[in-house]
Protein backbone atom coordinates (compact mmCIF):
# COMPACT_ATOMS: atom_id res chain seq x y z
CA MET A 1 -3.77 6.54 25.79
CA LEU A 2 -2.40 3.48 24.03
CA GLN A 3 -5.47 2.69 22.21
CA SER A 4 -5.16 6.61 20.84
CA GLN A 5 -1.47 5.71 20.30
CA LEU A 6 -2.90 2.40 18.16
CA GLU A 7 -5.00 4.28 16.26
CA GLY A 8 -2.88 6.80 15.42
CA THR A 9 -0.35 3.86 14.22
CA GLU A 10 -3.29 2.45 12.04
CA ASN A 11 -3.82 5.74 10.49
CA ARG A 12 -0.54 6.33 9.45
CA ILE A 13 -0.02 2.71 8.31
CA ALA A 14 -3.06 2.96 6.21
CA VAL A 15 -2.52 6.31 4.72
CA SER A 16 1.16 5.00 3.58
CA ILE A 17 -0.41 1.88 1.91
CA ARG A 18 -2.80 4.05 0.11
CA ASP A 19 -0.19 6.66 -0.93
CA TYR A 20 1.95 3.55 -2.04
CA ASN A 21 -1.02 1.72 -3.69
CA ALA A 22 -1.79 5.08 -5.68
CA ALA A 23 1.78 5.83 -6.91
CA VAL A 24 1.89 2.27 -8.15
CA GLN A 25 -1.16 2.61 -10.05
CA ASP A 26 0.15 6.28 -11.63
CA TYR A 27 3.28 4.19 -12.33
CA ASN A 28 1.44 1.14 -14.02
CA THR A 29 -0.54 3.63 -16.17
CA GLU A 30 2.77 5.39 -17.17
CA VAL A 31 4.49 2.19 -18.31
CA ARG A 32 1.30 0.88 -20.16
CA THR A 33 0.49 4.28 -21.82
CA PHE A 34 1.93 5.39 -25.13
CA PRO A 35 4.77 6.93 -25.82
CA SER A 36 6.07 6.06 -22.34
CA MET A 37 5.52 2.36 -22.71
CA ILE A 38 8.17 2.45 -25.67
CA GLY A 39 10.63 4.05 -23.22
CA ALA A 40 9.53 1.60 -20.40
CA GLN A 41 9.93 -1.71 -22.84
CA LEU A 42 13.48 -0.31 -23.60
CA ARG A 43 14.40 -0.18 -19.96
CA GLY A 44 12.78 -3.36 -19.13
CA ALA A 45 10.36 -1.68 -16.58
CA ASP A 46 7.41 -4.21 -15.40
CA PRO A 47 4.30 -3.13 -13.96
CA LEU A 48 4.68 -3.07 -9.78
CA VAL A 49 2.08 -5.10 -7.76
CA PRO A 50 0.05 -3.02 -5.15
CA TYR A 51 0.13 -3.88 -1.49
CA LYS A 52 -2.03 -6.36 -0.24
CA ALA A 53 -1.67 -7.86 3.35
CA THR A 54 -1.19 -11.53 3.28
CA THR A 55 -1.42 -12.32 6.92
CA PRO A 56 -4.72 -14.05 7.90
CA ASN A 57 -7.18 -11.56 9.63
CA ALA A 58 -4.40 -8.76 9.11
CA ASP A 59 -7.44 -6.14 8.63
CA VAL A 60 -8.93 -7.29 12.24
CA ALA A 61 -7.41 -5.59 15.33
CA PRO A 62 -6.65 -7.51 18.38
CA SER A 63 -8.81 -6.99 21.24
CA LEU A 64 -6.87 -5.66 24.35
CA GLU A 65 -9.75 -6.37 26.80
CA GLY A 66 -8.29 -7.18 30.01
CA LYS A 67 -4.85 -6.52 28.86
CA LEU A 68 -4.75 -2.96 30.15
């Protein structure tokens, strides 16, 4: 039960990160492409940085063996 809840949470987080990074890529393409780049420069819009986990081993799930 807990494992399936953890998997569901991990999947929702992964989907959210993927969606965010896709939106960042679309935005960055827009602010770097003519003629949108003119308006972006006038407004001071800078490209955004995609999300990347900076915590060491953030992509490795902890083991729950013996803890349940």
